[in-house]
Amino acid sequence: MNRQITPKDKLSIGLTILSNALPPVGFYLSYRYRTEFPKKSRAALINAIIGIPIGLIGGYLLQTYVFN
């Protein structure tokens, strides 16, 4: 199997932001691209995993300092 990296095997900036802001979308994109574009799949998965603690910390800060 010859797996060369193509220009299409890079996650676009819009999908990067979306998978970071909404982790379920990132997990879906990771599943969707897992065989055809492995680097794109990995980038979506990493962004989704990073987005979970960012969302939790952001939610805590908003609840504690902004809404009270």
PDB file of N, CA and C in Angstrom:
ATOM      1  N   MET A   1       0.838  -1.185   0.000  1.00  0.00           N
ATOM      2  CA  MET A   1       0.000   0.000   0.000  1.00  0.00           C
ATOM      3  C   MET A   1       0.877   1.241   0.000  1.00  0.00           C
ATOM      4  N   ASN A   2       0.699   2.042  -0.971  1.00  0.00           N
ATOM      5  CA  ASN A   2       1.451   3.276  -1.089  1.00  0.00           C
ATOM      6  C   ASN A   2       0.590   4.423  -0.576  1.00  0.00           C
ATOM      7  N   ARG A   3       0.908   4.916   0.596  1.00  0.00           N
ATOM      8  CA  ARG A   3       0.126   5.999   1.198  1.00  0.00           C
ATOM      9  C   ARG A   3       0.929   7.286   1.137  1.00  0.00           C
ATOM     10  N   GLN A   4       0.781   7.989   0.052  1.00  0.00           N
ATOM     11  CA  GLN A   4       1.446   9.269  -0.081  1.00  0.00           C
ATOM     12  C   GLN A   4       0.544  10.359   0.465  1.00  0.00           C
ATOM     13  N   ILE A   5       1.160  11.381   1.023  1.00  0.00           N
ATOM     14  CA  ILE A   5       0.397  12.502   1.559  1.00  0.00           C
ATOM     15  C   ILE A   5       0.025  13.417   0.403  1.00  0.00           C
ATOM     16  N   THR A   6      -1.249  13.656   0.265  1.00  0.00           N
ATOM     17  CA  THR A   6      -1.729  14.539  -0.791  1.00  0.00           C
ATOM     18  C   THR A   6      -2.143  15.867  -0.178  1.00  0.00           C
ATOM     19  N   PRO A   7      -2.262  16.909  -0.982  1.00  0.00           N
ATOM     20  CA  PRO A   7      -2.729  18.186  -0.441  1.00  0.00           C
ATOM     21  C   PRO A   7      -4.128  18.099   0.165  1.00  0.00           C
ATOM     22  N   LYS A   8      -4.916  17.134  -0.270  1.00  0.00           N
ATOM     23  CA  LYS A   8      -6.264  16.965   0.282  1.00  0.00           C
ATOM     24  C   LYS A   8      -6.237  16.330   1.661  1.00  0.00           C
ATOM     25  N   ASP A   9      -5.086  15.826   2.078  1.00  0.00           N
ATOM     26  CA  ASP A   9      -4.979  15.162   3.377  1.00  0.00           C
ATOM     27  C   ASP A   9      -4.599  16.148   4.479  1.00  0.00           C
ATOM     28  N   LYS A  10      -5.165  17.338   4.414  1.00  0.00           N
ATOM     29  CA  LYS A  10      -4.950  18.350   5.438  1.00  0.00           C
ATOM     30  C   LYS A  10      -6.317  18.908   5.799  1.00  0.00           C
ATOM     31  N   LEU A  11      -6.620  18.958   7.086  1.00  0.00           N
ATOM     32  CA  LEU A  11      -7.918  19.449   7.553  1.00  0.00           C
ATOM     33  C   LEU A  11      -7.993  20.960   7.337  1.00  0.00           C
ATOM     34  N   SER A  12      -9.076  21.414   6.726  1.00  0.00           N
ATOM     35  CA  SER A  12      -9.217  22.837   6.442  1.00  0.00           C
ATOM     36  C   SER A  12      -9.372  23.622   7.745  1.00  0.00           C
ATOM     37  N   ILE A  13      -9.113  24.923   7.687  1.00  0.00           N
ATOM     38  CA  ILE A  13      -9.157  25.755   8.887  1.00  0.00           C
ATOM     39  C   ILE A  13     -10.577  25.816   9.444  1.00  0.00           C
ATOM     40  N   GLY A  14     -11.563  25.818   8.577  1.00  0.00           N
ATOM     41  CA  GLY A  14     -12.955  25.835   9.042  1.00  0.00           C
ATOM     42  C   GLY A  14     -13.330  24.579   9.798  1.00  0.00           C
ATOM     43  N   LEU A  15     -12.927  23.431   9.267  1.00  0.00           N
ATOM     44  CA  LEU A  15     -13.218  22.171   9.955  1.00  0.00           C
ATOM     45  C   LEU A  15     -12.377  22.021  11.221  1.00  0.00           C
ATOM     46  N   THR A  16     -11.196  22.615  11.232  1.00  0.00           N
ATOM     47  CA  THR A  16     -10.371  22.593  12.442  1.00  0.00           C
ATOM     48  C   THR A  16     -11.057  23.358  13.570  1.00  0.00           C
ATOM     49  N   ILE A  17     -11.536  24.541  13.252  1.00  0.00           N
ATOM     50  CA  ILE A  17     -12.236  25.346  14.258  1.00  0.00           C
ATOM     51  C   ILE A  17     -13.522  24.663  14.695  1.00  0.00           C
ATOM     52  N   LEU A  18     -14.253  24.111  13.744  1.00  0.00           N
ATOM     53  CA  LEU A  18     -15.510  23.449  14.063  1.00  0.00           C
ATOM     54  C   LEU A  18     -15.297  22.214  14.935  1.00  0.00           C
ATOM     55  N   SER A  19     -14.277  21.420  14.634  1.00  0.00           N
ATOM     56  CA  SER A  19     -14.040  20.221  15.434  1.00  0.00           C
ATOM     57  C   SER A  19     -13.485  20.560  16.815  1.00  0.00           C
ATOM     58  N   ASN A  20     -12.874  21.723  16.958  1.00  0.00           N
ATOM     59  CA  ASN A  20     -12.399  22.150  18.268  1.00  0.00           C
ATOM     60  C   ASN A  20     -13.543  22.733  19.091  1.00  0.00           C
ATOM     61  N   ALA A  21     -14.422  23.484  18.457  1.00  0.00           N
ATOM     62  CA  ALA A  21     -15.536  24.100  19.174  1.00  0.00           C
ATOM     63  C   ALA A  21     -16.640  23.093  19.502  1.00  0.00           C
ATOM     64  N   LEU A  22     -16.862  22.142  18.625  1.00  0.00           N
ATOM     65  CA  LEU A  22     -17.894  21.123  18.823  1.00  0.00           C
ATOM     66  C   LEU A  22     -17.245  19.737  18.720  1.00  0.00           C
ATOM     67  N   PRO A  23     -16.767  19.191  19.836  1.00  0.00           N
ATOM     68  CA  PRO A  23     -16.055  17.907  19.793  1.00  0.00           C
ATOM     69  C   PRO A  23     -16.815  16.748  19.138  1.00  0.00           C
ATOM     70  N   PRO A  24     -18.143  16.633  19.261  1.00  0.00           N
ATOM     71  CA  PRO A  24     -18.788  15.530  18.537  1.00  0.00           C
ATOM     72  C   PRO A  24     -18.614  15.608  17.020  1.00  0.00           C
ATOM     73  N   VAL A  25     -18.539  16.811  16.489  1.00  0.00           N
ATOM     74  CA  VAL A  25     -18.278  16.972  15.058  1.00  0.00           C
ATOM     75  C   VAL A  25     -16.864  16.485  14.734  1.00  0.00           C
ATOM     76  N   GLY A  26     -15.918  16.794  15.601  1.00  0.00           N
ATOM     77  CA  GLY A  26     -14.552  16.319  15.402  1.00  0.00           C
ATOM     78  C   GLY A  26     -14.446  14.802  15.449  1.00  0.00           C
ATOM     79  N   PHE A  27     -15.176  14.181  16.374  1.00  0.00           N
ATOM     80  CA  PHE A  27     -15.166  12.716  16.432  1.00  0.00           C
ATOM     81  C   PHE A  27     -15.808  12.112  15.189  1.00  0.00           C
ATOM     82  N   TYR A  28     -16.874  12.743  14.686  1.00  0.00           N
ATOM     83  CA  TYR A  28     -17.509  12.270  13.456  1.00  0.00           C
ATOM     84  C   TYR A  28     -16.556  12.402  12.267  1.00  0.00           C
ATOM     85  N   LEU A  29     -15.883  13.551  12.145  1.00  0.00           N
ATOM     86  CA  LEU A  29     -14.952  13.746  11.041  1.00  0.00           C
ATOM     87  C   LEU A  29     -13.797  12.760  11.121  1.00  0.00           C
ATOM     88  N   SER A  30     -13.352  12.455  12.322  1.00  0.00           N
ATOM     89  CA  SER A  30     -12.292  11.477  12.493  1.00  0.00           C
ATOM     90  C   SER A  30     -12.735  10.100  11.999  1.00  0.00           C
ATOM     91  N   TYR A  31     -13.946   9.745  12.329  1.00  0.00           N
ATOM     92  CA  TYR A  31     -14.486   8.461  11.873  1.00  0.00           C
ATOM     93  C   TYR A  31     -14.688   8.466  10.358  1.00  0.00           C
ATOM     94  N   ARG A  32     -15.148   9.562   9.834  1.00  0.00           N
ATOM     95  CA  ARG A  32     -15.462   9.685   8.414  1.00  0.00           C
ATOM     96  C   ARG A  32     -14.217   9.590   7.535  1.00  0.00           C
ATOM     97  N   TYR A  33     -13.120  10.209   7.952  1.00  0.00           N
ATOM     98  CA  TYR A  33     -11.912  10.272   7.144  1.00  0.00           C
ATOM     99  C   TYR A  33     -10.860   9.232   7.519  1.00  0.00           C
ATOM    100  N   ARG A  34     -11.156   8.278   8.367  1.00  0.00           N
ATOM    101  CA  ARG A  34     -10.134   7.404   8.947  1.00  0.00           C
ATOM    102  C   ARG A  34      -9.399   6.548   7.918  1.00  0.00           C
ATOM    103  N   THR A  35     -10.035   6.114   6.850  1.00  0.00           N
ATOM    104  CA  THR A  35      -9.346   5.247   5.898  1.00  0.00           C
ATOM    105  C   THR A  35      -8.784   6.010   4.700  1.00  0.00           C
ATOM    106  N   GLU A  36      -9.530   6.981   4.206  1.00  0.00           N
ATOM    107  CA  GLU A  36      -9.113   7.678   3.000  1.00  0.00           C
ATOM    108  C   GLU A  36      -8.050   8.750   3.264  1.00  0.00           C
ATOM    109  N   PHE A  37      -8.207   9.495   4.351  1.00  0.00           N
ATOM    110  CA  PHE A  37      -7.291  10.578   4.701  1.00  0.00           C
ATOM    111  C   PHE A  37      -6.846  10.425   6.167  1.00  0.00           C
ATOM    112  N   PRO A  38      -5.819   9.654   6.435  1.00  0.00           N
ATOM    113  CA  PRO A  38      -5.442   9.398   7.836  1.00  0.00           C
ATOM    114  C   PRO A  38      -4.939  10.633   8.584  1.00  0.00           C
ATOM    115  N   LYS A  39      -4.226  11.539   7.929  1.00  0.00           N
ATOM    116  CA  LYS A  39      -3.742  12.741   8.620  1.00  0.00           C
ATOM    117  C   LYS A  39      -4.885  13.688   8.940  1.00  0.00           C
ATOM    118  N   LYS A  40      -5.851  13.790   8.046  1.00  0.00           N
ATOM    119  CA  LYS A  40      -7.027  14.623   8.285  1.00  0.00           C
ATOM    120  C   LYS A  40      -7.836  14.052   9.442  1.00  0.00           C
ATOM    121  N   SER A  41      -7.952  12.738   9.492  1.00  0.00           N
ATOM    122  CA  SER A  41      -8.676  12.073  10.572  1.00  0.00           C
ATOM    123  C   SER A  41      -8.003  12.307  11.917  1.00  0.00           C
ATOM    124  N   ARG A  42      -6.688  12.198  11.946  1.00  0.00           N
ATOM    125  CA  ARG A  42      -5.938  12.401  13.191  1.00  0.00           C
ATOM    126  C   ARG A  42      -6.055  13.845  13.677  1.00  0.00           C
ATOM    127  N   ALA A  43      -5.992  14.802  12.755  1.00  0.00           N
ATOM    128  CA  ALA A  43      -6.111  16.210  13.125  1.00  0.00           C
ATOM    129  C   ALA A  43      -7.489  16.506  13.712  1.00  0.00           C
ATOM    130  N   ALA A  44      -8.535  15.943  13.117  1.00  0.00           N
ATOM    131  CA  ALA A  44      -9.886  16.143  13.638  1.00  0.00           C
ATOM    132  C   ALA A  44     -10.031  15.524  15.020  1.00  0.00           C
ATOM    133  N   LEU A  45      -9.451  14.354  15.229  1.00  0.00           N
ATOM    134  CA  LEU A  45      -9.532  13.693  16.527  1.00  0.00           C
ATOM    135  C   LEU A  45      -8.786  14.475  17.605  1.00  0.00           C
ATOM    136  N   ILE A  46      -7.606  14.959  17.289  1.00  0.00           N
ATOM    137  CA  ILE A  46      -6.836  15.742  18.260  1.00  0.00           C
ATOM    138  C   ILE A  46      -7.567  17.023  18.618  1.00  0.00           C
ATOM    139  N   ASN A  47      -8.140  17.699  17.621  1.00  0.00           N
ATOM    140  CA  ASN A  47      -8.887  18.928  17.899  1.00  0.00           C
ATOM    141  C   ASN A  47     -10.120  18.657  18.750  1.00  0.00           C
ATOM    142  N   ALA A  48     -10.772  17.536  18.524  1.00  0.00           N
ATOM    143  CA  ALA A  48     -11.943  17.196  19.336  1.00  0.00           C
ATOM    144  C   ALA A  48     -11.544  16.913  20.780  1.00  0.00           C
ATOM    145  N   ILE A  49     -10.438  16.213  20.963  1.00  0.00           N
ATOM    146  CA  ILE A  49      -9.976  15.895  22.318  1.00  0.00           C
ATOM    147  C   ILE A  49      -9.526  17.159  23.042  1.00  0.00           C
ATOM    148  N   ILE A  50      -8.876  18.061  22.340  1.00  0.00           N
ATOM    149  CA  ILE A  50      -8.451  19.329  22.941  1.00  0.00           C
ATOM    150  C   ILE A  50      -9.662  20.217  23.245  1.00  0.00           C
ATOM    151  N   GLY A  51     -10.699  20.132  22.446  1.00  0.00           N
ATOM    152  CA  GLY A  51     -11.880  20.974  22.626  1.00  0.00           C
ATOM    153  C   GLY A  51     -12.681  20.656  23.876  1.00  0.00           C
ATOM    154  N   ILE A  52     -12.604  19.438  24.378  1.00  0.00           N
ATOM    155  CA  ILE A  52     -13.377  19.057  25.571  1.00  0.00           C
ATOM    156  C   ILE A  52     -12.921  19.821  26.815  1.00  0.00           C
ATOM    157  N   PRO A  53     -11.628  19.814  27.183  1.00  0.00           N
ATOM    158  CA  PRO A  53     -11.247  20.591  28.381  1.00  0.00           C
ATOM    159  C   PRO A  53     -11.377  22.096  28.177  1.00  0.00           C
ATOM    160  N   ILE A  54     -11.166  22.571  26.956  1.00  0.00           N
ATOM    161  CA  ILE A  54     -11.353  24.006  26.699  1.00  0.00           C
ATOM    162  C   ILE A  54     -12.805  24.395  26.947  1.00  0.00           C
ATOM    163  N   GLY A  55     -13.736  23.568  26.500  1.00  0.00           N
ATOM    164  CA  GLY A  55     -15.150  23.833  26.731  1.00  0.00           C
ATOM    165  C   GLY A  55     -15.525  23.763  28.197  1.00  0.00           C
ATOM    166  N   LEU A  56     -14.978  22.795  28.901  1.00  0.00           N
ATOM    167  CA  LEU A  56     -15.271  22.674  30.329  1.00  0.00           C
ATOM    168  C   LEU A  56     -14.731  23.869  31.120  1.00  0.00           C
ATOM    169  N   ILE A  57     -13.500  24.264  30.838  1.00  0.00           N
ATOM    170  CA  ILE A  57     -12.910  25.416  31.537  1.00  0.00           C
ATOM    171  C   ILE A  57     -13.651  26.697  31.168  1.00  0.00           C
ATOM    172  N   GLY A  58     -13.964  26.859  29.889  1.00  0.00           N
ATOM    173  CA  GLY A  58     -14.710  28.040  29.460  1.00  0.00           C
ATOM    174  C   GLY A  58     -16.089  28.104  30.084  1.00  0.00           C
ATOM    175  N   GLY A  59     -16.767  26.978  30.171  1.00  0.00           N
ATOM    176  CA  GLY A  59     -18.077  26.934  30.807  1.00  0.00           C
ATOM    177  C   GLY A  59     -18.009  27.262  32.283  1.00  0.00           C
ATOM    178  N   TYR A  60     -16.995  26.760  32.949  1.00  0.00           N
ATOM    179  CA  TYR A  60     -16.818  27.064  34.378  1.00  0.00           C
ATOM    180  C   TYR A  60     -16.562  28.550  34.588  1.00  0.00           C
ATOM    181  N   LEU A  61     -15.673  29.120  33.793  1.00  0.00           N
ATOM    182  CA  LEU A  61     -15.358  30.541  33.931  1.00  0.00           C
ATOM    183  C   LEU A  61     -16.569  31.426  33.634  1.00  0.00           C
ATOM    184  N   LEU A  62     -17.315  31.075  32.616  1.00  0.00           N
ATOM    185  CA  LEU A  62     -18.522  31.848  32.312  1.00  0.00           C
ATOM    186  C   LEU A  62     -19.538  31.758  33.441  1.00  0.00           C
ATOM    187  N   GLN A  63     -19.746  30.560  33.950  1.00  0.00           N
ATOM    188  CA  GLN A  63     -20.721  30.376  35.023  1.00  0.00           C
ATOM    189  C   GLN A  63     -20.292  31.075  36.304  1.00  0.00           C
ATOM    190  N   THR A  64     -19.028  31.032  36.621  1.00  0.00           N
ATOM    191  CA  THR A  64     -18.536  31.589  37.875  1.00  0.00           C
ATOM    192  C   THR A  64     -18.402  33.102  37.839  1.00  0.00           C
ATOM    193  N   TYR A  65     -17.821  33.641  36.775  1.00  0.00           N
ATOM    194  CA  TYR A  65     -17.468  35.047  36.777  1.00  0.00           C
ATOM    195  C   TYR A  65     -18.380  35.948  35.934  1.00  0.00           C
ATOM    196  N   VAL A  66     -18.992  35.425  34.922  1.00  0.00           N
ATOM    197  CA  VAL A  66     -19.794  36.278  34.052  1.00  0.00           C
ATOM    198  C   VAL A  66     -21.266  36.251  34.439  1.00  0.00           C
ATOM    199  N   PHE A  67     -21.815  35.093  34.667  1.00  0.00           N
ATOM    200  CA  PHE A  67     -23.251  34.994  34.921  1.00  0.00           C
ATOM    201  C   PHE A  67     -23.636  35.196  36.381  1.00  0.00           C
ATOM    202  N   ASN A  68     -22.684  35.337  37.273  1.00  0.00           N
ATOM    203  CA  ASN A  68     -23.006  35.580  38.695  1.00  0.00           C
ATOM    204  C   ASN A  68     -22.603  36.944  39.128  1.00  0.00           C
TER     205      ASN A  68
END
